[in-house]
Amino acid sequence: MGCNQLEICGKIIEMKKLRYTPIGIAIAEFKVSHISQQLEAEVLRQIECEISAVALAQIAKSMTDMKIGTVLKLIGFLARRSRINLQLVLHVNSMHPI
């Protein structure tokens, strides 16, 4: 199974300080709030959720220009937070302010 892609729009609600791996790769960790209406079984449903996200390298560096409240379109994939933490995190491959 190779299908794992997520596209979502949301507002930045939390941003951790930019950090670097031991080999110098930038890491930005942040959280976005998503609100929308989606059709499910022919019923309009109100959706509200928060998603933890991480961006690496150049995307992480560009996140330093973003402020709390900035609305973004994020594209990436889902993965565990760590080997021992099963919580899902969006790993961002593409980020565009809206």
PDB file of N, CA and C in Angstrom:
ATOM      1  N   MET A   1       0.837  -1.188   0.000  1.00  0.00           N
ATOM      2  CA  MET A   1       0.000   0.000   0.000  1.00  0.00           C
ATOM      3  C   MET A   1       0.876   1.244   0.000  1.00  0.00           C
ATOM      4  N   GLY A   2       0.752   2.047  -1.034  1.00  0.00           N
ATOM      5  CA  GLY A   2       1.602   3.214  -1.128  1.00  0.00           C
ATOM      6  C   GLY A   2       0.867   4.540  -1.089  1.00  0.00           C
ATOM      7  N   CYS A   3      -0.458   4.537  -0.953  1.00  0.00           N
ATOM      8  CA  CYS A   3      -1.237   5.778  -0.999  1.00  0.00           C
ATOM      9  C   CYS A   3      -1.245   6.456   0.366  1.00  0.00           C
ATOM     10  N   ASN A   4      -0.668   7.649   0.463  1.00  0.00           N
ATOM     11  CA  ASN A   4      -0.638   8.408   1.715  1.00  0.00           C
ATOM     12  C   ASN A   4      -0.372   9.863   1.363  1.00  0.00           C
ATOM     13  N   GLN A   5      -1.434  10.597   1.051  1.00  0.00           N
ATOM     14  CA  GLN A   5      -1.291  12.018   0.746  1.00  0.00           C
ATOM     15  C   GLN A   5      -2.470  12.770   1.345  1.00  0.00           C
ATOM     16  N   LEU A   6      -2.177  13.906   1.939  1.00  0.00           N
ATOM     17  CA  LEU A   6      -3.200  14.735   2.567  1.00  0.00           C
ATOM     18  C   LEU A   6      -3.052  16.162   2.069  1.00  0.00           C
ATOM     19  N   GLU A   7      -4.174  16.777   1.713  1.00  0.00           N
ATOM     20  CA  GLU A   7      -4.220  18.187   1.334  1.00  0.00           C
ATOM     21  C   GLU A   7      -5.257  18.841   2.227  1.00  0.00           C
ATOM     22  N   ILE A   8      -4.866  19.877   2.935  1.00  0.00           N
ATOM     23  CA  ILE A   8      -5.784  20.525   3.868  1.00  0.00           C
ATOM     24  C   ILE A   8      -5.427  22.002   4.006  1.00  0.00           C
ATOM     25  N   CYS A   9      -6.445  22.799   4.239  1.00  0.00           N
ATOM     26  CA  CYS A   9      -6.244  24.223   4.505  1.00  0.00           C
ATOM     27  C   CYS A   9      -6.532  24.475   5.974  1.00  0.00           C
ATOM     28  N   GLY A  10      -5.774  25.362   6.569  1.00  0.00           N
ATOM     29  CA  GLY A  10      -5.992  25.663   7.971  1.00  0.00           C
ATOM     30  C   GLY A  10      -5.233  26.898   8.404  1.00  0.00           C
ATOM     31  N   LYS A  11      -5.571  27.348   9.599  1.00  0.00           N
ATOM     32  CA  LYS A  11      -4.971  28.545  10.187  1.00  0.00           C
ATOM     33  C   LYS A  11      -3.942  28.120  11.226  1.00  0.00           C
ATOM     34  N   ILE A  12      -2.754  28.721  11.184  1.00  0.00           N
ATOM     35  CA  ILE A  12      -1.721  28.416  12.179  1.00  0.00           C
ATOM     36  C   ILE A  12      -2.208  28.870  13.551  1.00  0.00           C
ATOM     37  N   ILE A  13      -2.211  27.930  14.519  1.00  0.00           N
ATOM     38  CA  ILE A  13      -2.631  28.277  15.880  1.00  0.00           C
ATOM     39  C   ILE A  13      -1.505  28.087  16.894  1.00  0.00           C
ATOM     40  N   GLU A  14      -0.447  27.430  16.473  1.00  0.00           N
ATOM     41  CA  GLU A  14       0.696  27.207  17.372  1.00  0.00           C
ATOM     42  C   GLU A  14       1.944  27.009  16.527  1.00  0.00           C
ATOM     43  N   MET A  15       3.054  27.597  16.963  1.00  0.00           N
ATOM     44  CA  MET A  15       4.313  27.462  16.232  1.00  0.00           C
ATOM     45  C   MET A  15       5.445  27.316  17.238  1.00  0.00           C
ATOM     46  N   LYS A  16       6.174  26.217  17.132  1.00  0.00           N
ATOM     47  CA  LYS A  16       7.344  26.040  17.995  1.00  0.00           C
ATOM     48  C   LYS A  16       8.546  26.726  17.359  1.00  0.00           C
ATOM     49  N   LYS A  17       9.537  26.983  18.162  1.00  0.00           N
ATOM     50  CA  LYS A  17      10.761  27.621  17.682  1.00  0.00           C
ATOM     51  C   LYS A  17      11.470  26.706  16.682  1.00  0.00           C
ATOM     52  N   LEU A  18      11.981  27.298  15.601  1.00  0.00           N
ATOM     53  CA  LEU A  18      12.730  26.552  14.594  1.00  0.00           C
ATOM     54  C   LEU A  18      13.921  25.875  15.251  1.00  0.00           C
ATOM     55  N   ARG A  19      14.127  24.602  14.921  1.00  0.00           N
ATOM     56  CA  ARG A  19      15.281  23.881  15.456  1.00  0.00           C
ATOM     57  C   ARG A  19      15.972  23.160  14.308  1.00  0.00           C
ATOM     58  N   TYR A  20      17.112  22.554  14.623  1.00  0.00           N
ATOM     59  CA  TYR A  20      17.919  21.900  13.592  1.00  0.00           C
ATOM     60  C   TYR A  20      18.320  20.502  14.038  1.00  0.00           C
ATOM     61  N   THR A  21      18.401  19.577  13.070  1.00  0.00           N
ATOM     62  CA  THR A  21      18.905  18.235  13.351  1.00  0.00           C
ATOM     63  C   THR A  21      20.412  18.332  13.577  1.00  0.00           C
ATOM     64  N   PRO A  22      21.032  17.273  14.097  1.00  0.00           N
ATOM     65  CA  PRO A  22      22.490  17.298  14.286  1.00  0.00           C
ATOM     66  C   PRO A  22      23.280  17.553  12.994  1.00  0.00           C
ATOM     67  N   ILE A  23      22.676  17.231  11.836  1.00  0.00           N
ATOM     68  CA  ILE A  23      23.388  17.489  10.575  1.00  0.00           C
ATOM     69  C   ILE A  23      22.948  18.796   9.914  1.00  0.00           C
ATOM     70  N   GLY A  24      22.185  19.623  10.649  1.00  0.00           N
ATOM     71  CA  GLY A  24      21.870  20.964  10.190  1.00  0.00           C
ATOM     72  C   GLY A  24      20.602  21.146   9.377  1.00  0.00           C
ATOM     73  N   ILE A  25      19.703  20.169   9.377  1.00  0.00           N
ATOM     74  CA  ILE A  25      18.444  20.311   8.643  1.00  0.00           C
ATOM     75  C   ILE A  25      17.430  21.030   9.533  1.00  0.00           C
ATOM     76  N   ALA A  26      16.836  22.091   9.005  1.00  0.00           N
ATOM     77  CA  ALA A  26      15.841  22.868   9.756  1.00  0.00           C
ATOM     78  C   ALA A  26      14.563  22.062   9.953  1.00  0.00           C
ATOM     79  N   ILE A  27      13.953  22.208  11.145  1.00  0.00           N
ATOM     80  CA  ILE A  27      12.691  21.540  11.472  1.00  0.00           C
ATOM     81  C   ILE A  27      11.742  22.574  12.073  1.00  0.00           C
ATOM     82  N   ALA A  28      10.556  22.692  11.473  1.00  0.00           N
ATOM     83  CA  ALA A  28       9.509  23.565  12.009  1.00  0.00           C
ATOM     84  C   ALA A  28       8.329  22.695  12.427  1.00  0.00           C
ATOM     85  N   GLU A  29       7.935  22.798  13.688  1.00  0.00           N
ATOM     86  CA  GLU A  29       6.762  22.079  14.187  1.00  0.00           C
ATOM     87  C   GLU A  29       5.680  23.104  14.484  1.00  0.00           C
ATOM     88  N   PHE A  30       4.466  22.823  14.021  1.00  0.00           N
ATOM     89  CA  PHE A  30       3.369  23.759  14.208  1.00  0.00           C
ATOM     90  C   PHE A  30       2.040  23.013  14.219  1.00  0.00           C
ATOM     91  N   LYS A  31       0.982  23.746  14.538  1.00  0.00           N
ATOM     92  CA  LYS A  31      -0.351  23.160  14.581  1.00  0.00           C
ATOM     93  C   LYS A  31      -1.291  24.078  13.811  1.00  0.00           C
ATOM     94  N   VAL A  32      -2.195  23.475  13.026  1.00  0.00           N
ATOM     95  CA  VAL A  32      -3.192  24.247  12.292  1.00  0.00           C
ATOM     96  C   VAL A  32      -4.598  23.841  12.717  1.00  0.00           C
ATOM     97  N   SER A  33      -5.497  24.803  12.636  1.00  0.00           N
ATOM     98  CA  SER A  33      -6.913  24.584  12.904  1.00  0.00           C
ATOM     99  C   SER A  33      -7.641  24.593  11.569  1.00  0.00           C
ATOM    100  N   HIS A  34      -8.460  23.572  11.338  1.00  0.00           N
ATOM    101  CA  HIS A  34      -9.215  23.451  10.088  1.00  0.00           C
ATOM    102  C   HIS A  34     -10.706  23.522  10.405  1.00  0.00           C
ATOM    103  N   ILE A  35     -11.438  24.360   9.665  1.00  0.00           N
ATOM    104  CA  ILE A  35     -12.892  24.451   9.786  1.00  0.00           C
ATOM    105  C   ILE A  35     -13.470  24.439   8.375  1.00  0.00           C
ATOM    106  N   SER A  36     -14.421  23.542   8.140  1.00  0.00           N
ATOM    107  CA  SER A  36     -15.066  23.472   6.828  1.00  0.00           C
ATOM    108  C   SER A  36     -16.403  22.753   6.959  1.00  0.00           C
ATOM    109  N   GLN A  37     -17.118  22.688   5.841  1.00  0.00           N
ATOM    110  CA  GLN A  37     -18.319  21.868   5.749  1.00  0.00           C
ATOM    111  C   GLN A  37     -18.059  20.821   4.687  1.00  0.00           C
ATOM    112  N   GLN A  38     -18.389  19.572   4.992  1.00  0.00           N
ATOM    113  CA  GLN A  38     -18.163  18.466   4.073  1.00  0.00           C
ATOM    114  C   GLN A  38     -19.445  17.651   3.950  1.00  0.00           C
ATOM    115  N   LEU A  39     -19.673  17.123   2.755  1.00  0.00           N
ATOM    116  CA  LEU A  39     -20.837  16.292   2.510  1.00  0.00           C
ATOM    117  C   LEU A  39     -20.505  14.844   2.852  1.00  0.00           C
ATOM    118  N   GLU A  40     -21.301  14.244   3.726  1.00  0.00           N
ATOM    119  CA  GLU A  40     -21.112  12.844   4.111  1.00  0.00           C
ATOM    120  C   GLU A  40     -22.476  12.168   4.103  1.00  0.00           C
ATOM    121  N   ALA A  41     -22.629  11.127   3.292  1.00  0.00           N
ATOM    122  CA  ALA A  41     -23.895  10.399   3.166  1.00  0.00           C
ATOM    123  C   ALA A  41     -25.047  11.366   2.874  1.00  0.00           C
ATOM    124  N   GLU A  42     -24.789  12.307   1.974  1.00  0.00           N
ATOM    125  CA  GLU A  42     -25.759  13.303   1.528  1.00  0.00           C
ATOM    126  C   GLU A  42     -26.210  14.261   2.629  1.00  0.00           C
ATOM    127  N   VAL A  43     -25.431  14.354   3.704  1.00  0.00           N
ATOM    128  CA  VAL A  43     -25.712  15.274   4.803  1.00  0.00           C
ATOM    129  C   VAL A  43     -24.517  16.207   4.954  1.00  0.00           C
ATOM    130  N   LEU A  44     -24.784  17.520   5.009  1.00  0.00           N
ATOM    131  CA  LEU A  44     -23.724  18.497   5.204  1.00  0.00           C
ATOM    132  C   LEU A  44     -23.266  18.457   6.656  1.00  0.00           C
ATOM    133  N   ARG A  45     -21.981  18.293   6.844  1.00  0.00           N
ATOM    134  CA  ARG A  45     -21.421  18.128   8.182  1.00  0.00           C
ATOM    135  C   ARG A  45     -20.419  19.244   8.461  1.00  0.00           C
ATOM    136  N   GLN A  46     -20.483  19.827   9.667  1.00  0.00           N
ATOM    137  CA  GLN A  46     -19.534  20.859  10.091  1.00  0.00           C
ATOM    138  C   GLN A  46     -18.280  20.169  10.618  1.00  0.00           C
ATOM    139  N   ILE A  47     -17.122  20.511  10.064  1.00  0.00           N
ATOM    140  CA  ILE A  47     -15.857  19.895  10.457  1.00  0.00           C
ATOM    141  C   ILE A  47     -14.992  20.928  11.169  1.00  0.00           C
ATOM    142  N   GLU A  48     -14.487  20.574  12.334  1.00  0.00           N
ATOM    143  CA  GLU A  48     -13.525  21.392  13.071  1.00  0.00           C
ATOM    144  C   GLU A  48     -12.491  20.453  13.671  1.00  0.00           C
ATOM    145  N   CYS A  49     -11.225  20.701  13.382  1.00  0.00           N
ATOM    146  CA  CYS A  49     -10.169  19.856  13.944  1.00  0.00           C
ATOM    147  C   CYS A  49      -8.856  20.631  14.000  1.00  0.00           C
ATOM    148  N   GLU A  50      -7.926  20.093  14.763  1.00  0.00           N
ATOM    149  CA  GLU A  50      -6.566  20.625  14.840  1.00  0.00           C
ATOM    150  C   GLU A  50      -5.613  19.531  14.389  1.00  0.00           C
ATOM    151  N   ILE A  51      -4.605  19.922  13.629  1.00  0.00           N
ATOM    152  CA  ILE A  51      -3.648  18.960  13.085  1.00  0.00           C
ATOM    153  C   ILE A  51      -2.230  19.412  13.406  1.00  0.00           C
ATOM    154  N   SER A  52      -1.453  18.506  13.988  1.00  0.00           N
ATOM    155  CA  SER A  52      -0.028  18.764  14.208  1.00  0.00           C
ATOM    156  C   SER A  52       0.700  18.542  12.896  1.00  0.00           C
ATOM    157  N   ALA A  53       1.683  19.395  12.623  1.00  0.00           N
ATOM    158  CA  ALA A  53       2.422  19.298  11.367  1.00  0.00           C
ATOM    159  C   ALA A  53       3.900  19.557  11.605  1.00  0.00           C
ATOM    160  N   VAL A  54       4.713  19.037  10.695  1.00  0.00           N
ATOM    161  CA  VAL A  54       6.155  19.259  10.734  1.00  0.00           C
ATOM    162  C   VAL A  54       6.634  19.515   9.305  1.00  0.00           C
ATOM    163  N   ALA A  55       7.547  20.463   9.168  1.00  0.00           N
ATOM    164  CA  ALA A  55       8.151  20.771   7.875  1.00  0.00           C
ATOM    165  C   ALA A  55       9.663  20.751   8.044  1.00  0.00           C
ATOM    166  N   LEU A  56      10.363  20.313   7.014  1.00  0.00           N
ATOM    167  CA  LEU A  56      11.822  20.213   7.055  1.00  0.00           C
ATOM    168  C   LEU A  56      12.462  21.101   5.997  1.00  0.00           C
ATOM    169  N   ALA A  57      13.743  21.350   6.191  1.00  0.00           N
ATOM    170  CA  ALA A  57      14.609  22.025   5.211  1.00  0.00           C
ATOM    171  C   ALA A  57      14.064  23.403   4.820  1.00  0.00           C
ATOM    172  N   GLN A  58      13.967  23.675   3.515  1.00  0.00           N
ATOM    173  CA  GLN A  58      13.573  25.003   3.041  1.00  0.00           C
ATOM    174  C   GLN A  58      12.153  25.367   3.448  1.00  0.00           C
ATOM    175  N   ILE A  59      11.239  24.397   3.435  1.00  0.00           N
ATOM    176  CA  ILE A  59       9.862  24.689   3.859  1.00  0.00           C
ATOM    177  C   ILE A  59       9.861  25.118   5.320  1.00  0.00           C
ATOM    178  N   ALA A  60      10.656  24.455   6.154  1.00  0.00           N
ATOM    179  CA  ALA A  60      10.751  24.835   7.572  1.00  0.00           C
ATOM    180  C   ALA A  60      11.266  26.260   7.711  1.00  0.00           C
ATOM    181  N   LYS A  61      12.281  26.606   6.946  1.00  0.00           N
ATOM    182  CA  LYS A  61      12.833  27.968   7.018  1.00  0.00           C
ATOM    183  C   LYS A  61      11.801  29.006   6.587  1.00  0.00           C
ATOM    184  N   SER A  62      10.994  28.682   5.570  1.00  0.00           N
ATOM    185  CA  SER A  62       9.972  29.634   5.123  1.00  0.00           C
ATOM    186  C   SER A  62       8.848  29.776   6.148  1.00  0.00           C
ATOM    187  N   MET A  63       8.674  28.790   7.016  1.00  0.00           N
ATOM    188  CA  MET A  63       7.654  28.872   8.065  1.00  0.00           C
ATOM    189  C   MET A  63       7.986  29.959   9.082  1.00  0.00           C
ATOM    190  N   THR A  64       9.247  30.339   9.203  1.00  0.00           N
ATOM    191  CA  THR A  64       9.620  31.368  10.181  1.00  0.00           C
ATOM    192  C   THR A  64       9.004  32.723   9.834  1.00  0.00           C
ATOM    193  N   ASP A  65       8.623  32.919   8.563  1.00  0.00           N
ATOM    194  CA  ASP A  65       7.967  34.162   8.142  1.00  0.00           C
ATOM    195  C   ASP A  65       6.475  34.173   8.469  1.00  0.00           C
ATOM    196  N   MET A  66       5.923  33.013   8.818  1.00  0.00           N
ATOM    197  CA  MET A  66       4.490  32.893   9.067  1.00  0.00           C
ATOM    198  C   MET A  66       4.151  33.279  10.504  1.00  0.00           C
ATOM    199  N   LYS A  67       3.024  33.912  10.662  1.00  0.00           N
ATOM    200  CA  LYS A  67       2.551  34.352  11.976  1.00  0.00           C
ATOM    201  C   LYS A  67       1.355  33.500  12.404  1.00  0.00           C
ATOM    202  N   ILE A  68       1.092  33.461  13.705  1.00  0.00           N
ATOM    203  CA  ILE A  68      -0.120  32.829  14.206  1.00  0.00           C
ATOM    204  C   ILE A  68      -1.304  33.510  13.512  1.00  0.00           C
ATOM    205  N   GLY A  69      -2.238  32.713  13.017  1.00  0.00           N
ATOM    206  CA  GLY A  69      -3.399  33.252  12.308  1.00  0.00           C
ATOM    207  C   GLY A  69      -3.279  33.194  10.800  1.00  0.00           C
ATOM    208  N   THR A  70      -2.069  32.950  10.274  1.00  0.00           N
ATOM    209  CA  THR A  70      -1.881  32.823   8.828  1.00  0.00           C
ATOM    210  C   THR A  70      -2.610  31.581   8.330  1.00  0.00           C
ATOM    211  N   VAL A  71      -3.351  31.726   7.225  1.00  0.00           N
ATOM    212  CA  VAL A  71      -4.070  30.598   6.630  1.00  0.00           C
ATOM    213  C   VAL A  71      -3.201  29.999   5.528  1.00  0.00           C
ATOM    214  N   LEU A  72      -3.042  28.672   5.575  1.00  0.00           N
ATOM    215  CA  LEU A  72      -2.165  27.956   4.651  1.00  0.00           C
ATOM    216  C   LEU A  72      -2.886  26.806   3.965  1.00  0.00           C
ATOM    217  N   LYS A  73      -2.422  26.468   2.774  1.00  0.00           N
ATOM    218  CA  LYS A  73      -2.788  25.206   2.133  1.00  0.00           C
ATOM    219  C   LYS A  73      -1.575  24.303   2.284  1.00  0.00           C
ATOM    220  N   LEU A  74      -1.764  23.155   2.924  1.00  0.00           N
ATOM    221  CA  LEU A  74      -0.674  22.216   3.179  1.00  0.00           C
ATOM    222  C   LEU A  74      -0.903  20.927   2.405  1.00  0.00           C
ATOM    223  N   ILE A  75       0.160  20.398   1.820  1.00  0.00           N
ATOM    224  CA  ILE A  75       0.117  19.100   1.145  1.00  0.00           C
ATOM    225  C   ILE A  75       1.269  18.278   1.692  1.00  0.00           C
ATOM    226  N   GLY A  76       0.970  17.041   2.068  1.00  0.00           N
ATOM    227  CA  GLY A  76       2.012  16.181   2.610  1.00  0.00           C
ATOM    228  C   GLY A  76       1.491  14.787   2.873  1.00  0.00           C
ATOM    229  N   PHE A  77       2.124  14.113   3.813  1.00  0.00           N
ATOM    230  CA  PHE A  77       1.740  12.743   4.147  1.00  0.00           C
ATOM    231  C   PHE A  77       1.660  12.593   5.659  1.00  0.00           C
ATOM    232  N   LEU A  78       0.947  11.560   6.107  1.00  0.00           N
ATOM    233  CA  LEU A  78       0.801  11.289   7.532  1.00  0.00           C
ATOM    234  C   LEU A  78       1.804  10.244   7.987  1.00  0.00           C
ATOM    235  N   ALA A  79       2.359  10.455   9.175  1.00  0.00           N
ATOM    236  CA  ALA A  79       3.286   9.490   9.780  1.00  0.00           C
ATOM    237  C   ALA A  79       3.171   9.595  11.294  1.00  0.00           C
ATOM    238  N   ARG A  80       3.682   8.587  11.985  1.00  0.00           N
ATOM    239  CA  ARG A  80       3.726   8.623  13.442  1.00  0.00           C
ATOM    240  C   ARG A  80       4.588   9.789  13.906  1.00  0.00           C
ATOM    241  N   ARG A  81       4.269  10.286  15.102  1.00  0.00           N
ATOM    242  CA  ARG A  81       5.110  11.336  15.684  1.00  0.00           C
ATOM    243  C   ARG A  81       6.527  10.803  15.918  1.00  0.00           C
ATOM    244  N   SER A  82       6.637   9.555  16.367  1.00  0.00           N
ATOM    245  CA  SER A  82       7.946   8.925  16.587  1.00  0.00           C
ATOM    246  C   SER A  82       7.760   7.412  16.554  1.00  0.00           C
ATOM    247  N   ARG A  83       8.839   6.690  16.705  1.00  0.00           N
ATOM    248  CA  ARG A  83       8.749   5.225  16.697  1.00  0.00           C
ATOM    249  C   ARG A  83       7.854   4.696  17.807  1.00  0.00           C
ATOM    250  N   ILE A  84       7.820   5.399  18.940  1.00  0.00           N
ATOM    251  CA  ILE A  84       7.028   4.901  20.068  1.00  0.00           C
ATOM    252  C   ILE A  84       5.714   5.659  20.274  1.00  0.00           C
ATOM    253  N   ASN A  85       5.513   6.769  19.578  1.00  0.00           N
ATOM    254  CA  ASN A  85       4.295   7.567  19.715  1.00  0.00           C
ATOM    255  C   ASN A  85       3.451   7.398  18.450  1.00  0.00           C
ATOM    256  N   LEU A  86       2.280   6.795  18.588  1.00  0.00           N
ATOM    257  CA  LEU A  86       1.434   6.494  17.435  1.00  0.00           C
ATOM    258  C   LEU A  86       0.608   7.680  16.938  1.00  0.00           C
ATOM    259  N   GLN A  87       0.684   8.829  17.615  1.00  0.00           N
ATOM    260  CA  GLN A  87      -0.078  10.001  17.182  1.00  0.00           C
ATOM    261  C   GLN A  87       0.350  10.394  15.769  1.00  0.00           C
ATOM    262  N   LEU A  88      -0.635  10.688  14.911  1.00  0.00           N
ATOM    263  CA  LEU A  88      -0.335  11.067  13.536  1.00  0.00           C
ATOM    264  C   LEU A  88       0.065  12.533  13.436  1.00  0.00           C
ATOM    265  N   VAL A  89       1.021  12.794  12.543  1.00  0.00           N
ATOM    266  CA  VAL A  89       1.509  14.147  12.271  1.00  0.00           C
ATOM    267  C   VAL A  89       1.575  14.311  10.754  1.00  0.00           C
ATOM    268  N   LEU A  90       1.162  15.478  10.272  1.00  0.00           N
ATOM    269  CA  LEU A  90       1.276  15.792   8.852  1.00  0.00           C
ATOM    270  C   LEU A  90       2.700  16.243   8.557  1.00  0.00           C
ATOM    271  N   HIS A  91       3.387  15.535   7.671  1.00  0.00           N
ATOM    272  CA  HIS A  91       4.726  15.919   7.213  1.00  0.00           C
ATOM    273  C   HIS A  91       4.539  16.705   5.914  1.00  0.00           C
ATOM    274  N   VAL A  92       4.833  17.985   5.969  1.00  0.00           N
ATOM    275  CA  VAL A  92       4.504  18.912   4.886  1.00  0.00           C
ATOM    276  C   VAL A  92       5.550  18.861   3.773  1.00  0.00           C
ATOM    277  N   ASN A  93       5.067  18.608   2.541  1.00  0.00           N
ATOM    278  CA  ASN A  93       5.921  18.648   1.353  1.00  0.00           C
ATOM    279  C   ASN A  93       5.718  19.929   0.551  1.00  0.00           C
ATOM    280  N   SER A  94       4.573  20.575   0.750  1.00  0.00           N
ATOM    281  CA  SER A  94       4.239  21.794   0.019  1.00  0.00           C
ATOM    282  C   SER A  94       3.383  22.677   0.916  1.00  0.00           C
ATOM    283  N   MET A  95       3.672  23.988   0.914  1.00  0.00           N
ATOM    284  CA  MET A  95       2.963  24.920   1.776  1.00  0.00           C
ATOM    285  C   MET A  95       2.768  26.224   1.012  1.00  0.00           C
ATOM    286  N   HIS A  96       1.521  26.718   0.996  1.00  0.00           N
ATOM    287  CA  HIS A  96       1.215  27.966   0.300  1.00  0.00           C
ATOM    288  C   HIS A  96       0.276  28.807   1.151  1.00  0.00           C
ATOM    289  N   PRO A  97       0.645  30.043   1.457  1.00  0.00           N
ATOM    290  CA  PRO A  97      -0.300  30.934   2.150  1.00  0.00           C
ATOM    291  C   PRO A  97      -1.512  31.192   1.248  1.00  0.00           C
ATOM    292  N   ILE A  98      -2.666  31.309   1.860  1.00  0.00           N
ATOM    293  CA  ILE A  98      -3.898  31.578   1.095  1.00  0.00           C
ATOM    294  C   ILE A  98      -4.305  33.025   1.334  1.00  0.00           C
TER     295      ILE A  98
END
